[in-house]
Amino acid sequence: MIRGTMLSRLTFAAAAMLIASSSVNAGLLPTQVTVVPDSGNYRWTYAIVLPTDSQLQSGNYFTIYDFAGYVPGSAVGPDANWTVSTPNSGATPTVLLPQDDPNIVNLQFTYSGPTIPAGQLGLGNFAAISTFEKKAEDDFTAETYRTSDGLKDSNITTTDVPTGVQQIPEPATMALAALGLPLLGLARLRRKVVA
């Protein structure tokens, strides 16, 4: 019993170390998302950072999945070194499995400039316009190269995206609301009796 517990603790510790070490080598990351009104629609702006152990080479890219309500032709990068495409599926680095609705546009930004040899710098603001203001969380993938060994590095994380879907409250939230309404009515009734 003690040996089994010790073995499972060691396995857990090894898994935690593997996860921690893999997150250090993450590729491009969205650090801030802002949404502002724009001519009756909404401009979504993503600040993207290249982490310390990453370098950016021509052909590297990132994808923001399921950008609902996309206004065609509105996506732009920070400069001429970035091109934008809007496939409904992908582009996705190998071995990553993001959630991707094939009926909703993805934003893919591809770099074509000179190699940026070291990370820990902001790459600028990437923007697109949506007819929706409401936020949902969806996947973000990227492909770069590590500076430590030159190997291709693929990462996946989440970011905010526009959605036209109304969020349905969870059952637990609905149950709490159902319990609270009679209590509010009782408190109101008590106030009338006291007055």
Protein backbone atom coordinates (compact mmCIF):
# COMPACT_ATOMS: atom_id res chain seq x y z
CA MET A 1 0.00 0.00 0.00
CA ILE A 2 2.73 2.48 0.95
CA ARG A 3 4.78 1.50 -2.10
CA GLY A 4 1.76 2.05 -4.39
CA THR A 5 1.09 5.46 -2.85
CA MET A 6 4.75 6.43 -3.18
CA LEU A 7 4.78 5.28 -6.82
CA SER A 8 1.66 7.29 -7.66
CA ARG A 9 3.16 10.38 -5.97
CA LEU A 10 6.34 9.99 -8.03
CA THR A 11 4.29 9.53 -11.20
CA PHE A 12 2.28 12.65 -10.37
CA ALA A 13 5.46 14.64 -9.65
CA ALA A 14 7.05 13.50 -12.92
CA ALA A 15 3.91 14.46 -14.86
CA ALA A 16 3.84 17.89 -13.17
CA MET A 17 7.50 18.48 -14.06
CA LEU A 18 6.85 17.47 -17.68
CA ILE A 19 3.91 19.85 -17.92
CA ALA A 20 5.90 22.67 -16.30
CA SER A 21 8.87 22.16 -18.60
CA SER A 22 6.71 22.01 -21.73
CA SER A 23 4.97 25.27 -20.84
CA VAL A 24 8.35 27.04 -20.62
CA ASN A 25 8.93 26.33 -24.32
CA ALA A 26 5.54 27.58 -25.47
CA GLY A 27 5.35 29.33 -28.83
CA LEU A 28 3.34 32.47 -29.59
CA LEU A 29 0.89 33.52 -26.89
CA PRO A 30 -2.09 35.90 -26.84
CA THR A 31 -1.57 38.15 -23.80
CA GLN A 32 -4.40 40.64 -24.10
CA VAL A 33 -7.67 40.85 -26.01
CA THR A 34 -9.59 44.11 -26.33
CA VAL A 35 -12.99 44.69 -27.92
CA VAL A 36 -14.15 48.15 -29.03
CA PRO A 37 -17.12 49.33 -31.12
CA ASP A 38 -16.29 49.93 -34.79
CA SER A 39 -18.91 51.31 -37.23
CA GLY A 40 -21.78 49.24 -35.84
CA ASN A 41 -19.57 46.16 -35.38
CA TYR A 42 -16.76 45.30 -32.95
CA ARG A 43 -12.99 45.39 -33.45
CA TRP A 44 -11.21 42.55 -31.65
CA THR A 45 -7.51 43.21 -31.05
CA TYR A 46 -5.04 40.54 -29.91
CA ALA A 47 -1.63 41.43 -28.43
CA ILE A 48 0.71 38.52 -29.28
CA VAL A 49 4.00 37.77 -27.51
CA LEU A 50 6.98 35.64 -28.57
CA PRO A 51 8.27 33.95 -25.35
CA THR A 52 11.90 33.70 -24.27
CA ASP A 53 12.87 30.31 -25.73
CA SER A 54 11.19 30.93 -29.09
CA GLN A 55 12.26 32.39 -32.39
CA LEU A 56 10.03 33.39 -35.27
CA GLN A 57 10.89 32.25 -38.80
CA SER A 58 9.23 32.83 -42.13
CA GLY A 59 6.29 30.43 -42.46
CA ASN A 60 5.52 30.31 -38.72
CA TYR A 61 1.89 31.02 -37.92
CA PHE A 62 -0.84 31.14 -35.32
CA THR A 63 -4.55 30.37 -35.57
CA ILE A 64 -7.46 31.81 -33.60
CA TYR A 65 -10.31 29.30 -33.88
CA ASP A 66 -14.02 29.97 -34.39
CA PHE A 67 -14.04 33.76 -34.82
CA ALA A 68 -17.83 34.12 -35.12
CA GLY A 69 -19.40 36.99 -37.05
CA TYR A 70 -16.19 37.73 -38.98
CA VAL A 71 -16.49 40.70 -41.35
CA PRO A 72 -14.69 39.59 -44.55
CA GLY A 73 -11.46 41.47 -45.31
CA SER A 74 -11.22 43.06 -41.85
CA ALA A 75 -8.34 41.00 -40.38
CA VAL A 76 -4.97 42.79 -40.26
CA GLY A 77 -1.53 42.14 -38.79
CA PRO A 78 0.80 44.76 -37.29
CA ASP A 79 2.91 45.13 -40.47
CA ALA A 80 3.53 43.82 -44.01
CA ASN A 81 5.41 40.74 -42.66
CA TRP A 82 2.09 39.13 -41.73
CA THR A 83 -0.53 37.69 -44.09
CA VAL A 84 -4.01 36.66 -43.07
CA SER A 85 -6.21 33.82 -44.25
CA THR A 86 -9.63 32.78 -43.00
CA PRO A 87 -10.07 29.02 -43.43
CA ASN A 88 -13.02 27.29 -41.79
CA SER A 89 -10.77 24.42 -40.71
CA GLY A 90 -7.18 24.69 -39.42
CA ALA A 91 -4.46 25.55 -39.94
CA THR A 92 -3.31 23.44 -37.03
CA PRO A 93 0.19 22.27 -36.09
CA THR A 94 0.58 18.49 -36.08
CA VAL A 95 -0.24 16.60 -32.85
CA LEU A 96 -2.50 19.38 -31.53
CA LEU A 97 -6.25 18.82 -31.29
CA PRO A 98 -8.07 22.14 -30.87
CA GLN A 99 -11.84 22.42 -30.85
CA ASP A 100 -12.70 23.70 -34.31
CA ASP A 101 -16.23 24.23 -35.61
CA PRO A 102 -15.97 23.79 -39.42
CA ASN A 103 -18.88 26.21 -39.90
CA ILE A 104 -17.08 29.17 -38.27
CA VAL A 105 -14.12 31.09 -39.70
CA ASN A 106 -10.66 30.75 -38.15
CA LEU A 107 -8.11 33.56 -38.33
CA GLN A 108 -4.67 32.38 -39.45
CA PHE A 109 -1.78 34.89 -39.32
CA THR A 110 1.41 33.73 -41.12
CA TYR A 111 4.80 35.41 -40.76
CA SER A 112 6.97 36.06 -43.84
CA GLY A 113 9.67 38.40 -42.53
CA PRO A 114 13.26 37.90 -41.42
CA THR A 115 14.00 35.53 -38.52
CA ILE A 116 13.47 37.05 -35.09
CA PRO A 117 16.19 35.12 -33.21
CA ALA A 118 15.12 35.59 -29.59
CA GLY A 119 11.84 35.94 -27.81
CA GLN A 120 10.40 37.79 -24.85
CA LEU A 121 9.00 40.51 -27.03
CA GLY A 122 5.63 41.72 -28.20
CA LEU A 123 4.93 41.17 -31.89
CA GLY A 124 2.26 43.85 -32.07
CA ASN A 125 -1.50 43.97 -32.37
CA PHE A 126 -3.51 41.70 -34.66
CA ALA A 127 -7.11 42.71 -35.28
CA ALA A 128 -10.33 41.60 -36.94
CA ILE A 129 -13.88 42.89 -36.94
CA SER A 130 -16.89 40.84 -35.85
CA THR A 131 -20.59 41.57 -35.80
CA PHE A 132 -20.57 40.16 -32.23
CA GLU A 133 -19.38 41.72 -28.99
CA LYS A 134 -20.03 38.81 -26.61
CA LYS A 135 -16.98 36.78 -25.60
CA ALA A 136 -16.47 33.05 -25.50
CA GLU A 137 -13.31 31.07 -24.91
CA ASP A 138 -11.82 29.06 -27.76
CA ASP A 139 -8.50 27.61 -28.84
CA PHE A 140 -5.37 29.32 -30.09
CA THR A 141 -2.51 27.35 -31.66
CA ALA A 142 0.90 28.45 -32.90
CA GLU A 143 4.01 27.08 -34.54
CA THR A 144 7.50 28.56 -33.99
CA TYR A 145 11.03 27.23 -33.32
CA ARG A 146 12.87 26.91 -30.02
CA THR A 147 16.08 28.90 -29.65
CA SER A 148 17.62 26.30 -27.32
CA ASP A 149 17.71 23.44 -29.84
CA GLY A 150 16.20 24.79 -33.10
CA LEU A 151 13.34 22.26 -33.05
CA LYS A 152 9.83 23.14 -34.22
CA ASP A 153 7.60 24.10 -31.30
CA SER A 154 3.81 23.84 -31.43
CA ASN A 155 1.58 25.14 -28.66
CA ILE A 156 -2.09 25.35 -27.80
CA THR A 157 -3.82 27.65 -25.34
CA THR A 158 -7.15 29.48 -25.10
CA THR A 159 -8.19 33.02 -25.89
CA ASP A 160 -11.35 35.11 -26.12
CA VAL A 161 -13.31 35.05 -29.38
CA PRO A 162 -16.62 36.61 -30.44
CA THR A 163 -19.75 34.50 -30.19
CA GLY A 164 -23.35 34.92 -31.21
CA VAL A 165 -24.44 32.09 -28.91
CA GLN A 166 -26.29 32.99 -25.74
CA GLN A 167 -24.58 31.48 -22.72
CA ILE A 168 -26.92 29.10 -20.89
CA PRO A 169 -26.45 29.17 -17.11
CA GLU A 170 -25.23 25.95 -15.52
CA PRO A 171 -27.81 23.86 -13.60
CA ALA A 172 -26.16 24.70 -10.26
CA THR A 173 -26.52 28.43 -10.98
CA MET A 174 -30.17 27.96 -11.90
CA ALA A 175 -30.78 25.98 -8.67
CA LEU A 176 -29.21 28.73 -6.55
CA ALA A 177 -31.33 31.35 -8.29
CA ALA A 178 -34.46 29.25 -7.72
CA LEU A 179 -33.63 28.99 -4.01
CA GLY A 180 -32.91 32.71 -3.72
CA LEU A 181 -36.11 34.03 -5.29
CA PRO A 182 -38.46 32.81 -2.52
CA LEU A 183 -36.08 34.23 0.09
CA LEU A 184 -36.14 37.63 -1.60
CA GLY A 185 -39.96 37.51 -1.63
CA LEU A 186 -40.01 36.61 2.06
CA ALA A 187 -37.66 39.50 2.92
CA ARG A 188 -39.84 41.90 0.94
CA LEU A 189 -42.96 40.66 2.69
CA ARG A 190 -41.26 41.17 6.06
CA ARG A 191 -40.42 44.78 5.19
CA LYS A 192 -44.07 45.48 4.35
CA VAL A 193 -45.23 43.98 7.67
CA VAL A 194 -42.69 46.04 9.66
CA ALA A 195 -43.59 49.30 7.87
